[in-house]
Amino acid sequence: MRSVNGPDAAWYRGTRTRHEGQITAGGHSEDVTFVDAAADTALNDAIDRAYRTKYRHYAANIIDHITGTQARSTTIRVVPRHSTKD
């Protein structure tokens, strides 16, 4: 996951402060830990390829924005935190 608006985006700053949060999608919520992955070149390259494929019909400047240095510097892994409750 990355912040296409760079490190100044409020949600991204929150991940850097707390390193934990909750993701909700498709009616399911999961407690997660946010782990810095900006130095993972292979991961960043894979995310760039996915964005270029998904947004290939958009203008080049939009693709450059979401795959640029500012966005890549915010790449984080989202790791599920499994509950110990029964």
N, C-alpha and C. Protein backbone atom coordinates (compact mmCIF):
# COMPACT_ATOMS: atom_id res chain seq x y z
N MET A 1 0.86 -1.15 0.00
CA MET A 1 0.00 0.00 0.00
C MET A 1 0.91 1.22 0.00
N ARG A 2 0.42 2.28 -0.64
CA ARG A 2 1.20 3.53 -0.59
C ARG A 2 0.28 4.73 -0.66
N SER A 3 0.80 5.85 -0.23
CA SER A 3 0.09 7.11 -0.28
C SER A 3 0.44 7.82 -1.59
N VAL A 4 -0.49 7.87 -2.51
CA VAL A 4 -0.20 8.53 -3.79
C VAL A 4 0.00 10.03 -3.60
N ASN A 5 -0.43 10.55 -2.45
CA ASN A 5 -0.23 11.97 -2.17
C ASN A 5 1.01 12.22 -1.31
N GLY A 6 1.85 11.21 -1.19
CA GLY A 6 3.12 11.38 -0.50
C GLY A 6 3.01 11.33 1.01
N PRO A 7 4.11 11.63 1.68
CA PRO A 7 4.19 11.48 3.13
C PRO A 7 3.39 12.51 3.93
N ASP A 8 2.86 13.54 3.28
CA ASP A 8 2.09 14.55 4.00
C ASP A 8 0.61 14.19 4.15
N ALA A 9 0.14 13.11 3.51
CA ALA A 9 -1.26 12.70 3.62
C ALA A 9 -1.56 12.31 5.07
N ALA A 10 -2.70 12.77 5.57
CA ALA A 10 -3.05 12.55 6.98
C ALA A 10 -3.10 11.07 7.34
N TRP A 11 -3.71 10.24 6.51
CA TRP A 11 -3.82 8.82 6.85
C TRP A 11 -2.44 8.17 6.93
N TYR A 12 -1.53 8.58 6.04
CA TYR A 12 -0.19 8.00 6.06
C TYR A 12 0.57 8.43 7.32
N ARG A 13 0.47 9.71 7.67
CA ARG A 13 1.11 10.18 8.90
C ARG A 13 0.61 9.40 10.11
N GLY A 14 -0.68 9.05 10.12
CA GLY A 14 -1.24 8.25 11.20
C GLY A 14 -0.61 6.87 11.28
N THR A 15 -0.32 6.26 10.14
CA THR A 15 0.32 4.93 10.16
C THR A 15 1.72 5.02 10.72
N ARG A 16 2.39 6.12 10.49
CA ARG A 16 3.77 6.31 10.98
C ARG A 16 3.77 6.58 12.48
N THR A 17 2.70 7.15 13.00
CA THR A 17 2.61 7.45 14.43
C THR A 17 2.21 6.22 15.23
N ARG A 18 1.17 5.53 14.78
CA ARG A 18 0.61 4.41 15.54
C ARG A 18 1.12 3.05 15.10
N HIS A 19 1.45 2.89 13.84
CA HIS A 19 1.90 1.61 13.26
C HIS A 19 0.84 0.51 13.35
N GLU A 20 -0.37 0.85 13.77
CA GLU A 20 -1.46 -0.10 13.84
C GLU A 20 -2.74 0.58 13.39
N GLY A 21 -3.68 -0.23 12.93
CA GLY A 21 -4.95 0.32 12.51
C GLY A 21 -5.92 -0.78 12.18
N GLN A 22 -6.98 -0.41 11.48
CA GLN A 22 -7.99 -1.37 11.06
C GLN A 22 -8.37 -1.08 9.62
N ILE A 23 -8.39 -2.14 8.82
CA ILE A 23 -8.78 -2.05 7.41
C ILE A 23 -10.15 -2.69 7.28
N THR A 24 -11.06 -2.03 6.57
CA THR A 24 -12.38 -2.58 6.32
C THR A 24 -12.61 -2.62 4.82
N ALA A 25 -13.00 -3.79 4.32
CA ALA A 25 -13.30 -3.96 2.90
C ALA A 25 -14.30 -5.10 2.74
N GLY A 26 -15.26 -4.89 1.89
CA GLY A 26 -16.23 -5.95 1.62
C GLY A 26 -16.98 -6.42 2.85
N GLY A 27 -17.22 -5.52 3.80
CA GLY A 27 -17.94 -5.87 5.00
C GLY A 27 -17.12 -6.62 6.04
N HIS A 28 -15.84 -6.78 5.81
CA HIS A 28 -14.95 -7.47 6.75
C HIS A 28 -13.92 -6.48 7.28
N SER A 29 -13.68 -6.50 8.58
CA SER A 29 -12.67 -5.64 9.21
C SER A 29 -11.54 -6.49 9.76
N GLU A 30 -10.34 -5.96 9.66
CA GLU A 30 -9.16 -6.68 10.14
C GLU A 30 -8.23 -5.69 10.84
N ASP A 31 -7.79 -6.04 12.05
CA ASP A 31 -6.77 -5.26 12.73
C ASP A 31 -5.44 -5.54 12.05
N VAL A 32 -4.67 -4.49 11.78
CA VAL A 32 -3.43 -4.65 11.02
C VAL A 32 -2.30 -3.85 11.66
N THR A 33 -1.09 -4.23 11.27
CA THR A 33 0.12 -3.49 11.60
C THR A 33 0.68 -2.94 10.29
N PHE A 34 1.13 -1.70 10.30
CA PHE A 34 1.72 -1.07 9.13
C PHE A 34 3.24 -1.13 9.26
N VAL A 35 3.90 -1.74 8.28
CA VAL A 35 5.34 -1.94 8.31
C VAL A 35 5.97 -1.20 7.13
N ASP A 36 6.97 -0.38 7.41
CA ASP A 36 7.65 0.37 6.35
C ASP A 36 8.25 -0.60 5.33
N ALA A 37 7.97 -0.34 4.05
CA ALA A 37 8.51 -1.18 2.98
C ALA A 37 9.06 -0.34 1.83
N ALA A 38 9.33 0.94 2.10
CA ALA A 38 9.80 1.83 1.04
C ALA A 38 11.11 1.38 0.43
N ALA A 39 11.94 0.69 1.19
CA ALA A 39 13.24 0.26 0.68
C ALA A 39 13.15 -1.03 -0.14
N ASP A 40 11.97 -1.64 -0.20
CA ASP A 40 11.78 -2.89 -0.94
C ASP A 40 11.58 -2.58 -2.42
N THR A 41 12.66 -2.57 -3.17
CA THR A 41 12.62 -2.20 -4.59
C THR A 41 11.71 -3.12 -5.39
N ALA A 42 11.78 -4.42 -5.13
CA ALA A 42 10.95 -5.37 -5.87
C ALA A 42 9.46 -5.11 -5.62
N LEU A 43 9.10 -4.83 -4.37
CA LEU A 43 7.71 -4.53 -4.05
C LEU A 43 7.27 -3.24 -4.74
N ASN A 44 8.09 -2.20 -4.66
CA ASN A 44 7.76 -0.93 -5.31
C ASN A 44 7.60 -1.11 -6.81
N ASP A 45 8.48 -1.88 -7.42
CA ASP A 45 8.38 -2.12 -8.87
C ASP A 45 7.09 -2.86 -9.21
N ALA A 46 6.70 -3.84 -8.38
CA ALA A 46 5.46 -4.59 -8.61
C ALA A 46 4.23 -3.68 -8.47
N ILE A 47 4.24 -2.81 -7.47
CA ILE A 47 3.14 -1.86 -7.29
C ILE A 47 3.07 -0.91 -8.48
N ASP A 48 4.21 -0.41 -8.92
CA ASP A 48 4.23 0.47 -10.09
C ASP A 48 3.62 -0.21 -11.31
N ARG A 49 4.01 -1.48 -11.55
CA ARG A 49 3.46 -2.21 -12.70
C ARG A 49 1.94 -2.35 -12.59
N ALA A 50 1.47 -2.66 -11.38
CA ALA A 50 0.03 -2.81 -11.18
C ALA A 50 -0.70 -1.50 -11.43
N TYR A 51 -0.15 -0.39 -10.93
CA TYR A 51 -0.78 0.91 -11.16
C TYR A 51 -0.75 1.27 -12.66
N ARG A 52 0.36 1.02 -13.32
CA ARG A 52 0.44 1.34 -14.75
C ARG A 52 -0.58 0.54 -15.56
N THR A 53 -0.79 -0.71 -15.17
CA THR A 53 -1.78 -1.55 -15.85
C THR A 53 -3.19 -1.04 -15.55
N LYS A 54 -3.47 -0.81 -14.29
CA LYS A 54 -4.82 -0.38 -13.89
C LYS A 54 -5.20 0.97 -14.48
N TYR A 55 -4.25 1.90 -14.51
CA TYR A 55 -4.54 3.27 -14.93
C TYR A 55 -3.97 3.60 -16.31
N ARG A 56 -3.74 2.58 -17.14
CA ARG A 56 -3.10 2.78 -18.45
C ARG A 56 -3.86 3.74 -19.36
N HIS A 57 -5.16 3.92 -19.13
CA HIS A 57 -5.96 4.81 -19.98
C HIS A 57 -5.93 6.27 -19.51
N TYR A 58 -5.25 6.51 -18.39
CA TYR A 58 -5.16 7.88 -17.87
C TYR A 58 -3.93 8.58 -18.44
N ALA A 59 -3.91 9.89 -18.27
CA ALA A 59 -2.77 10.68 -18.76
C ALA A 59 -1.48 10.26 -18.05
N ALA A 60 -0.38 10.39 -18.76
CA ALA A 60 0.93 9.99 -18.24
C ALA A 60 1.27 10.71 -16.94
N ASN A 61 0.87 11.98 -16.80
CA ASN A 61 1.21 12.71 -15.59
C ASN A 61 0.52 12.13 -14.36
N ILE A 62 -0.65 11.52 -14.53
CA ILE A 62 -1.33 10.86 -13.40
C ILE A 62 -0.57 9.62 -13.00
N ILE A 63 -0.18 8.82 -13.97
CA ILE A 63 0.58 7.60 -13.69
C ILE A 63 1.93 7.96 -13.05
N ASP A 64 2.57 9.00 -13.58
CA ASP A 64 3.84 9.44 -12.99
C ASP A 64 3.66 9.86 -11.53
N HIS A 65 2.53 10.46 -11.21
CA HIS A 65 2.26 10.89 -9.83
C HIS A 65 2.14 9.70 -8.89
N ILE A 66 1.43 8.65 -9.30
CA ILE A 66 1.20 7.52 -8.40
C ILE A 66 2.36 6.52 -8.38
N THR A 67 3.31 6.69 -9.30
CA THR A 67 4.49 5.82 -9.31
C THR A 67 5.77 6.60 -9.06
N GLY A 68 5.64 7.86 -8.70
CA GLY A 68 6.81 8.71 -8.52
C GLY A 68 7.51 8.50 -7.18
N THR A 69 8.58 9.23 -7.02
CA THR A 69 9.44 9.12 -5.84
C THR A 69 8.69 9.38 -4.55
N GLN A 70 7.84 10.42 -4.52
CA GLN A 70 7.09 10.73 -3.30
C GLN A 70 6.18 9.58 -2.90
N ALA A 71 5.45 9.02 -3.86
CA ALA A 71 4.56 7.90 -3.55
C ALA A 71 5.36 6.66 -3.14
N ARG A 72 6.40 6.35 -3.89
CA ARG A 72 7.21 5.17 -3.57
C ARG A 72 7.82 5.26 -2.17
N SER A 73 8.12 6.47 -1.71
CA SER A 73 8.73 6.64 -0.39
C SER A 73 7.77 6.28 0.74
N THR A 74 6.49 6.11 0.43
CA THR A 74 5.48 5.81 1.46
C THR A 74 4.98 4.37 1.41
N THR A 75 5.62 3.51 0.64
CA THR A 75 5.16 2.13 0.52
C THR A 75 5.23 1.44 1.88
N ILE A 76 4.11 0.84 2.27
CA ILE A 76 4.04 0.10 3.53
C ILE A 76 3.39 -1.26 3.29
N ARG A 77 3.78 -2.22 4.09
CA ARG A 77 3.12 -3.53 4.09
C ARG A 77 2.01 -3.47 5.14
N VAL A 78 0.90 -4.10 4.83
CA VAL A 78 -0.22 -4.20 5.75
C VAL A 78 -0.27 -5.64 6.23
N VAL A 79 0.04 -5.84 7.50
CA VAL A 79 0.17 -7.19 8.06
C VAL A 79 -0.98 -7.43 9.05
N PRO A 80 -1.78 -8.49 8.84
CA PRO A 80 -2.87 -8.77 9.77
C PRO A 80 -2.36 -9.07 11.17
N ARG A 81 -3.07 -8.56 12.16
CA ARG A 81 -2.79 -8.91 13.56
C ARG A 81 -3.88 -9.86 13.98
N HIS A 82 -3.53 -11.08 14.26
CA HIS A 82 -4.52 -12.09 14.60
C HIS A 82 -4.91 -11.99 16.07
N SER A 83 -6.19 -12.04 16.30
CA SER A 83 -6.71 -11.93 17.66
C SER A 83 -6.38 -13.18 18.45
N THR A 84 -6.11 -13.00 19.74
CA THR A 84 -5.86 -14.14 20.61
C THR A 84 -7.14 -14.52 21.36
N LYS A 85 -8.25 -13.82 21.05
CA LYS A 85 -9.53 -14.12 21.71
C LYS A 85 -10.10 -15.41 21.12
N ASP A 86 -10.81 -16.17 21.96
CA ASP A 86 -11.47 -17.41 21.49
C ASP A 86 -12.84 -17.10 20.94
